[in-house]
């Protein structure tokens, strides 16, 4: 939710800045276009997908062949935090978002 509010706020703020220098109509158009662009960026960032199949695992644009996969273990918030902290491997490829608290 905070990212969506920032995106809409960026549009409103930019529209206000343009409105001060020009007309209300131009400011409104700039606000709507900027908010739409910011919302598109937030949506694209949050639309990362993870897919598992018989061939392997796809995380975003990355691909891991089945031969390189181990066992799958669901992690709660505490386990997830440990996996990125004291129990983590610095060499590991990670695919996460800062607002996600659980994983595999």
C-alpha atoms as a PDB file:
ATOM      1  CA  UNK A   1       0.000   0.000   0.000  1.00  0.00           C
ATOM      2  CA  UNK A   2       2.719   2.576   0.747  1.00  0.00           C
ATOM      3  CA  UNK A   3       4.194   2.164  -2.758  1.00  0.00           C
ATOM      4  CA  UNK A   4       0.788   2.800  -4.335  1.00  0.00           C
ATOM      5  CA  UNK A   5       0.368   5.922  -2.211  1.00  0.00           C
ATOM      6  CA  UNK A   6       3.821   7.171  -3.228  1.00  0.00           C
ATOM      7  CA  UNK A   7       2.958   6.614  -6.910  1.00  0.00           C
ATOM      8  CA  UNK A   8      -0.300   8.563  -6.664  1.00  0.00           C
ATOM      9  CA  UNK A   9       1.362  11.217  -4.488  1.00  0.00           C
ATOM     10  CA  UNK A  10       4.114  11.666  -7.072  1.00  0.00           C
ATOM     11  CA  UNK A  11       1.476  12.333  -9.702  1.00  0.00           C
ATOM     12  CA  UNK A  12      -0.380  14.794  -7.484  1.00  0.00           C
ATOM     13  CA  UNK A  13       2.806  16.623  -6.515  1.00  0.00           C
ATOM     14  CA  UNK A  14       4.056  16.864 -10.107  1.00  0.00           C
ATOM     15  CA  UNK A  15       0.654  18.070 -11.264  1.00  0.00           C
ATOM     16  CA  UNK A  16       0.634  20.721  -8.548  1.00  0.00           C
ATOM     17  CA  UNK A  17       4.112  21.925  -9.557  1.00  0.00           C
ATOM     18  CA  UNK A  18       3.047  22.226 -13.196  1.00  0.00           C
ATOM     19  CA  UNK A  19      -0.239  23.870 -12.213  1.00  0.00           C
ATOM     20  CA  UNK A  20       1.634  26.598 -10.326  1.00  0.00           C
ATOM     21  CA  UNK A  21       3.556  27.490 -13.497  1.00  0.00           C
ATOM     22  CA  UNK A  22       0.724  26.948 -16.007  1.00  0.00           C
ATOM     23  CA  UNK A  23      -3.041  26.372 -15.951  1.00  0.00           C
ATOM     24  CA  UNK A  24      -5.206  24.039 -13.902  1.00  0.00           C
ATOM     25  CA  UNK A  25      -6.049  21.895 -16.937  1.00  0.00           C
ATOM     26  CA  UNK A  26      -2.417  21.309 -17.881  1.00  0.00           C
ATOM     27  CA  UNK A  27      -1.556  20.537 -14.266  1.00  0.00           C
ATOM     28  CA  UNK A  28      -4.405  18.027 -14.084  1.00  0.00           C
ATOM     29  CA  UNK A  29      -3.269  16.277 -17.278  1.00  0.00           C
ATOM     30  CA  UNK A  30       0.327  16.116 -16.015  1.00  0.00           C
ATOM     31  CA  UNK A  31      -0.877  14.775 -12.653  1.00  0.00           C
ATOM     32  CA  UNK A  32      -2.907  11.994 -14.279  1.00  0.00           C
ATOM     33  CA  UNK A  33      -0.143  11.029 -16.741  1.00  0.00           C
ATOM     34  CA  UNK A  34       2.554  11.041 -14.030  1.00  0.00           C
ATOM     35  CA  UNK A  35       0.401   9.030 -11.606  1.00  0.00           C
ATOM     36  CA  UNK A  36      -0.414   6.511 -14.350  1.00  0.00           C
ATOM     37  CA  UNK A  37       3.276   6.110 -15.206  1.00  0.00           C
ATOM     38  CA  UNK A  38       4.240   5.709 -11.546  1.00  0.00           C
ATOM     39  CA  UNK A  39       1.462   3.164 -10.936  1.00  0.00           C
ATOM     40  CA  UNK A  40       2.627   1.220 -14.016  1.00  0.00           C
ATOM     41  CA  UNK A  41       6.177   1.089 -12.646  1.00  0.00           C
ATOM     42  CA  UNK A  42       4.959  -0.096  -9.222  1.00  0.00           C
ATOM     43  CA  UNK A  43       2.719  -2.727 -10.816  1.00  0.00           C
ATOM     44  CA  UNK A  44       5.544  -4.010 -13.035  1.00  0.00           C
ATOM     45  CA  UNK A  45       7.913  -4.221 -10.072  1.00  0.00           C
ATOM     46  CA  UNK A  46       5.391  -6.135  -7.965  1.00  0.00           C
ATOM     47  CA  UNK A  47       4.356  -8.489 -10.762  1.00  0.00           C
ATOM     48  CA  UNK A  48       7.387 -10.731 -10.374  1.00  0.00           C
ATOM     49  CA  UNK A  49       6.414 -14.373 -10.783  1.00  0.00           C
ATOM     50  CA  UNK A  50       7.842 -17.669  -9.622  1.00  0.00           C
ATOM     51  CA  UNK A  51       6.927 -20.787 -11.627  1.00  0.00           C
ATOM     52  CA  UNK A  52       7.904 -24.389 -10.938  1.00  0.00           C
ATOM     53  CA  UNK A  53       7.560 -27.175 -13.498  1.00  0.00           C
ATOM     54  CA  UNK A  54       9.025 -30.591 -14.301  1.00  0.00           C
ATOM     55  CA  UNK A  55      11.816 -28.865 -16.262  1.00  0.00           C
ATOM     56  CA  UNK A  56      12.929 -26.497 -13.510  1.00  0.00           C
ATOM     57  CA  UNK A  57      12.240 -23.234 -11.729  1.00  0.00           C
ATOM     58  CA  UNK A  58      11.703 -19.754 -13.171  1.00  0.00           C
ATOM     59  CA  UNK A  59      12.008 -16.749 -10.853  1.00  0.00           C
ATOM     60  CA  UNK A  60      11.382 -13.552 -12.776  1.00  0.00           C
ATOM     61  CA  UNK A  61      13.763 -13.742 -15.755  1.00  0.00           C
ATOM     62  CA  UNK A  62      16.121 -16.243 -14.098  1.00  0.00           C
ATOM     63  CA  UNK A  63      15.961 -19.965 -14.920  1.00  0.00           C
ATOM     64  CA  UNK A  64      17.239 -22.877 -12.812  1.00  0.00           C
ATOM     65  CA  UNK A  65      17.318 -26.347 -14.376  1.00  0.00           C
ATOM     66  CA  UNK A  66      15.784 -29.244 -12.418  1.00  0.00           C
ATOM     67  CA  UNK A  67      19.204 -30.902 -12.070  1.00  0.00           C
ATOM     68  CA  UNK A  68      20.306 -28.016  -9.853  1.00  0.00           C
ATOM     69  CA  UNK A  69      17.252 -27.969  -7.577  1.00  0.00           C
ATOM     70  CA  UNK A  70      17.269 -29.426  -4.080  1.00  0.00           C
ATOM     71  CA  UNK A  71      14.385 -29.964  -1.713  1.00  0.00           C
ATOM     72  CA  UNK A  72      11.746 -27.300  -1.256  1.00  0.00           C
ATOM     73  CA  UNK A  73      11.054 -26.064   2.252  1.00  0.00           C
ATOM     74  CA  UNK A  74       8.412 -23.446   3.080  1.00  0.00           C
ATOM     75  CA  UNK A  75       9.723 -20.731   5.409  1.00  0.00           C
ATOM     76  CA  UNK A  76       7.729 -18.698   7.893  1.00  0.00           C
ATOM     77  CA  UNK A  77       8.712 -15.107   8.717  1.00  0.00           C
ATOM     78  CA  UNK A  78      11.402 -16.185  11.197  1.00  0.00           C
ATOM     79  CA  UNK A  79      12.898 -18.781   8.849  1.00  0.00           C
ATOM     80  CA  UNK A  80      12.816 -16.300   5.980  1.00  0.00           C
ATOM     81  CA  UNK A  81      14.660 -13.736   8.083  1.00  0.00           C
ATOM     82  CA  UNK A  82      17.309 -16.306   9.053  1.00  0.00           C
ATOM     83  CA  UNK A  83      17.727 -17.377   5.417  1.00  0.00           C
ATOM     84  CA  UNK A  84      18.696 -13.817   4.520  1.00  0.00           C
ATOM     85  CA  UNK A  85      20.762 -13.324   7.663  1.00  0.00           C
ATOM     86  CA  UNK A  86      22.779 -15.668   9.807  1.00  0.00           C
ATOM     87  CA  UNK A  87      21.882 -18.874   7.905  1.00  0.00           C
ATOM     88  CA  UNK A  88      22.179 -17.292   4.467  1.00  0.00           C
ATOM     89  CA  UNK A  89      24.715 -18.075   1.782  1.00  0.00           C
ATOM     90  CA  UNK A  90      26.211 -14.943   0.221  1.00  0.00           C
ATOM     91  CA  UNK A  91      26.741 -16.825  -3.045  1.00  0.00           C
ATOM     92  CA  UNK A  92      23.060 -17.720  -3.388  1.00  0.00           C
ATOM     93  CA  UNK A  93      20.818 -16.190  -6.034  1.00  0.00           C
ATOM     94  CA  UNK A  94      17.872 -14.596  -4.258  1.00  0.00           C
ATOM     95  CA  UNK A  95      14.596 -13.387  -5.674  1.00  0.00           C
ATOM     96  CA  UNK A  96      12.534 -11.431  -3.202  1.00  0.00           C
ATOM     97  CA  UNK A  97      10.770  -8.181  -2.535  1.00  0.00           C
ATOM     98  CA  UNK A  98      11.217  -6.103   0.628  1.00  0.00           C
ATOM     99  CA  UNK A  99       7.518  -6.354   1.531  1.00  0.00           C
ATOM    100  CA  UNK A 100       7.434 -10.186   1.408  1.00  0.00           C
ATOM    101  CA  UNK A 101       7.991 -11.910   4.751  1.00  0.00           C
ATOM    102  CA  UNK A 102       7.685 -15.601   3.820  1.00  0.00           C
ATOM    103  CA  UNK A 103       9.050 -17.823   1.051  1.00  0.00           C
ATOM    104  CA  UNK A 104      10.528 -21.163   0.027  1.00  0.00           C
END
